[in-house]
Amino acid sequence: LNRGAAPARVSLGVTTVLTMTTLINSVNAALPKISYMKSIDIYLFVCFFMVFGALIEYACVGYTDKRIQLRKSRFFITQRRMDERRQLVAQQMRMDPGESRELIVPHTSN
């Protein structure tokens, strides 16, 4: 699945977690009650935690990806503003010698 296909990943993960929970409950209901853990219990719990871990991993990757995109967009905005200011200063430096050399920097709001 594509990294950006969040609804598909989440629905697949949640469905798998619920299926594992149902499978664990049905296996425990079908087997005799004993005071210690069976190997099937250990196997099913490991499978459950692997699926749950995959959901947590996807949440972390999605969060990190959004943070990276936000930082990139901020960097490009800052870079564009710096280029505009450089062009303005260069334009003002090319003015006639008789004119005022006062720098006029427009105020930009964030």
C-alpha atoms as a PDB file:
ATOM      1  CA  LEU A   1       0.000   0.000   0.000  1.00  0.00           C
ATOM      2  CA  ASN A   2       1.062   3.532  -0.691  1.00  0.00           C
ATOM      3  CA  ARG A   3       2.375   5.489   2.312  1.00  0.00           C
ATOM      4  CA  GLY A   4      -0.226   8.171   1.641  1.00  0.00           C
ATOM      5  CA  ALA A   5      -3.143   5.702   1.653  1.00  0.00           C
ATOM      6  CA  ALA A   6      -3.920   6.228   5.336  1.00  0.00           C
ATOM      7  CA  PRO A   7      -7.566   5.067   5.334  1.00  0.00           C
ATOM      8  CA  ALA A   8      -6.653   1.774   3.651  1.00  0.00           C
ATOM      9  CA  ARG A   9      -3.739   1.112   6.009  1.00  0.00           C
ATOM     10  CA  VAL A  10      -5.649   2.002   9.160  1.00  0.00           C
ATOM     11  CA  SER A  11      -8.736   0.002   8.225  1.00  0.00           C
ATOM     12  CA  LEU A  12      -6.609  -3.010   7.281  1.00  0.00           C
ATOM     13  CA  GLY A  13      -4.638  -2.754  10.537  1.00  0.00           C
ATOM     14  CA  VAL A  14      -7.692  -2.318  12.765  1.00  0.00           C
ATOM     15  CA  THR A  15      -9.481  -5.200  11.039  1.00  0.00           C
ATOM     16  CA  THR A  16      -6.432  -7.411  11.581  1.00  0.00           C
ATOM     17  CA  VAL A  17      -6.179  -6.428  15.262  1.00  0.00           C
ATOM     18  CA  LEU A  18      -9.866  -7.226  15.783  1.00  0.00           C
ATOM     19  CA  THR A  19      -9.478 -10.539  13.941  1.00  0.00           C
ATOM     20  CA  MET A  20      -6.503 -11.456  16.116  1.00  0.00           C
ATOM     21  CA  THR A  21      -8.486 -10.590  19.252  1.00  0.00           C
ATOM     22  CA  THR A  22     -11.377 -12.790  18.112  1.00  0.00           C
ATOM     23  CA  LEU A  23      -8.981 -15.596  17.231  1.00  0.00           C
ATOM     24  CA  ILE A  24      -7.306 -15.416  20.658  1.00  0.00           C
ATOM     25  CA  ASN A  25     -10.676 -15.525  22.426  1.00  0.00           C
ATOM     26  CA  SER A  26     -12.010 -18.415  20.334  1.00  0.00           C
ATOM     27  CA  VAL A  27      -8.840 -20.491  20.801  1.00  0.00           C
ATOM     28  CA  ASN A  28      -8.931 -19.916  24.575  1.00  0.00           C
ATOM     29  CA  ALA A  29     -12.618 -20.870  24.690  1.00  0.00           C
ATOM     30  CA  ALA A  30     -12.048 -24.077  22.694  1.00  0.00           C
ATOM     31  CA  LEU A  31      -9.067 -25.353  24.693  1.00  0.00           C
ATOM     32  CA  PRO A  32      -9.238 -26.656  28.267  1.00  0.00           C
ATOM     33  CA  LYS A  33      -8.636 -24.177  31.107  1.00  0.00           C
ATOM     34  CA  ILE A  34      -5.169 -24.556  32.611  1.00  0.00           C
ATOM     35  CA  SER A  35      -3.145 -22.392  34.984  1.00  0.00           C
ATOM     36  CA  TYR A  36      -0.157 -21.831  32.702  1.00  0.00           C
ATOM     37  CA  MET A  37       0.294 -20.329  29.231  1.00  0.00           C
ATOM     38  CA  LYS A  38       0.073 -22.584  26.219  1.00  0.00           C
ATOM     39  CA  SER A  39       2.399 -22.221  23.248  1.00  0.00           C
ATOM     40  CA  ILE A  40      -0.560 -21.212  21.061  1.00  0.00           C
ATOM     41  CA  ASP A  41      -1.243 -18.328  23.460  1.00  0.00           C
ATOM     42  CA  ILE A  42       2.335 -17.103  23.162  1.00  0.00           C
ATOM     43  CA  TYR A  43       2.214 -17.403  19.367  1.00  0.00           C
ATOM     44  CA  LEU A  44      -1.081 -15.511  19.080  1.00  0.00           C
ATOM     45  CA  PHE A  45       0.057 -12.761  21.466  1.00  0.00           C
ATOM     46  CA  VAL A  46       3.267 -12.300  19.474  1.00  0.00           C
ATOM     47  CA  CYS A  47       1.218 -12.068  16.266  1.00  0.00           C
ATOM     48  CA  PHE A  48      -1.136  -9.570  17.909  1.00  0.00           C
ATOM     49  CA  PHE A  49       1.715  -7.343  19.070  1.00  0.00           C
ATOM     50  CA  MET A  50       3.368  -7.478  15.633  1.00  0.00           C
ATOM     51  CA  VAL A  51       0.187  -6.203  13.985  1.00  0.00           C
ATOM     52  CA  PHE A  52      -0.321  -3.577  16.689  1.00  0.00           C
ATOM     53  CA  GLY A  53       3.334  -2.549  16.330  1.00  0.00           C
ATOM     54  CA  ALA A  54       2.837  -2.099  12.580  1.00  0.00           C
ATOM     55  CA  LEU A  55      -0.041   0.298  13.296  1.00  0.00           C
ATOM     56  CA  ILE A  56       2.092   2.282  15.748  1.00  0.00           C
ATOM     57  CA  GLU A  57       4.958   2.325  13.246  1.00  0.00           C
ATOM     58  CA  TYR A  58       2.686   3.715  10.531  1.00  0.00           C
ATOM     59  CA  ALA A  59       1.451   6.426  12.910  1.00  0.00           C
ATOM     60  CA  CYS A  60       5.060   7.436  13.645  1.00  0.00           C
ATOM     61  CA  VAL A  61       5.990   7.446   9.952  1.00  0.00           C
ATOM     62  CA  GLY A  62       2.947   9.572   9.107  1.00  0.00           C
ATOM     63  CA  TYR A  63       3.753  12.057  11.858  1.00  0.00           C
ATOM     64  CA  THR A  64       7.404  12.275  10.822  1.00  0.00           C
ATOM     65  CA  ASP A  65       6.449  12.718   7.164  1.00  0.00           C
ATOM     66  CA  LYS A  66       4.129  15.614   8.007  1.00  0.00           C
ATOM     67  CA  ARG A  67       6.867  17.260  10.087  1.00  0.00           C
ATOM     68  CA  ILE A  68       9.360  16.924   7.222  1.00  0.00           C
ATOM     69  CA  GLN A  69       6.891  18.418   4.732  1.00  0.00           C
ATOM     70  CA  LEU A  70       6.183  21.311   7.097  1.00  0.00           C
ATOM     71  CA  ARG A  71       9.893  22.040   7.517  1.00  0.00           C
ATOM     72  CA  LYS A  72      10.450  21.886   3.743  1.00  0.00           C
ATOM     73  CA  SER A  73       7.621  24.304   3.060  1.00  0.00           C
ATOM     74  CA  ARG A  74       8.902  26.709   5.734  1.00  0.00           C
ATOM     75  CA  PHE A  75      12.404  26.513   4.257  1.00  0.00           C
ATOM     76  CA  PHE A  76      11.158  27.264   0.726  1.00  0.00           C
ATOM     77  CA  ILE A  77       9.050  30.182   1.951  1.00  0.00           C
ATOM     78  CA  THR A  78      12.018  31.628   3.846  1.00  0.00           C
ATOM     79  CA  GLN A  79      14.290  31.078   0.852  1.00  0.00           C
ATOM     80  CA  ARG A  80      11.823  32.834  -1.488  1.00  0.00           C
ATOM     81  CA  ARG A  81      11.562  35.805   0.876  1.00  0.00           C
ATOM     82  CA  MET A  82      15.351  36.066   1.077  1.00  0.00           C
ATOM     83  CA  ASP A  83      15.635  35.991  -2.721  1.00  0.00           C
ATOM     84  CA  GLU A  84      13.007  38.746  -3.021  1.00  0.00           C
ATOM     85  CA  ARG A  85      14.871  40.903  -0.516  1.00  0.00           C
ATOM     86  CA  ARG A  86      18.193  40.304  -2.287  1.00  0.00           C
ATOM     87  CA  GLN A  87      16.640  41.383  -5.578  1.00  0.00           C
ATOM     88  CA  LEU A  88      15.189  44.488  -3.941  1.00  0.00           C
ATOM     89  CA  VAL A  89      18.540  45.461  -2.414  1.00  0.00           C
ATOM     90  CA  ALA A  90      20.337  44.824  -5.718  1.00  0.00           C
ATOM     91  CA  GLN A  91      17.779  46.963  -7.535  1.00  0.00           C
ATOM     92  CA  GLN A  92      18.203  49.789  -5.045  1.00  0.00           C
ATOM     93  CA  MET A  93      21.993  49.587  -5.323  1.00  0.00           C
ATOM     94  CA  ARG A  94      21.758  50.081  -9.096  1.00  0.00           C
ATOM     95  CA  MET A  95      19.928  53.409  -8.713  1.00  0.00           C
ATOM     96  CA  ASP A  96      21.467  56.620 -10.105  1.00  0.00           C
ATOM     97  CA  PRO A  97      24.230  58.127  -7.930  1.00  0.00           C
ATOM     98  CA  GLY A  98      22.217  61.340  -7.527  1.00  0.00           C
ATOM     99  CA  GLU A  99      19.244  59.570  -6.014  1.00  0.00           C
ATOM    100  CA  SER A 100      18.850  58.624  -2.397  1.00  0.00           C
ATOM    101  CA  ARG A 101      20.536  55.411  -1.300  1.00  0.00           C
ATOM    102  CA  GLU A 102      17.991  54.751   1.448  1.00  0.00           C
ATOM    103  CA  LEU A 103      17.013  51.074   1.581  1.00  0.00           C
ATOM    104  CA  ILE A 104      13.307  50.467   1.454  1.00  0.00           C
ATOM    105  CA  VAL A 105      12.448  46.980   2.661  1.00  0.00           C
ATOM    106  CA  PRO A 106       8.762  46.110   2.470  1.00  0.00           C
ATOM    107  CA  HIS A 107       7.189  44.678   5.595  1.00  0.00           C
ATOM    108  CA  THR A 108       5.810  41.185   5.065  1.00  0.00           C
ATOM    109  CA  SER A 109       3.436  39.603   7.505  1.00  0.00           C
ATOM    110  CA  ASN A 110       3.679  35.901   8.397  1.00  0.00           C
END
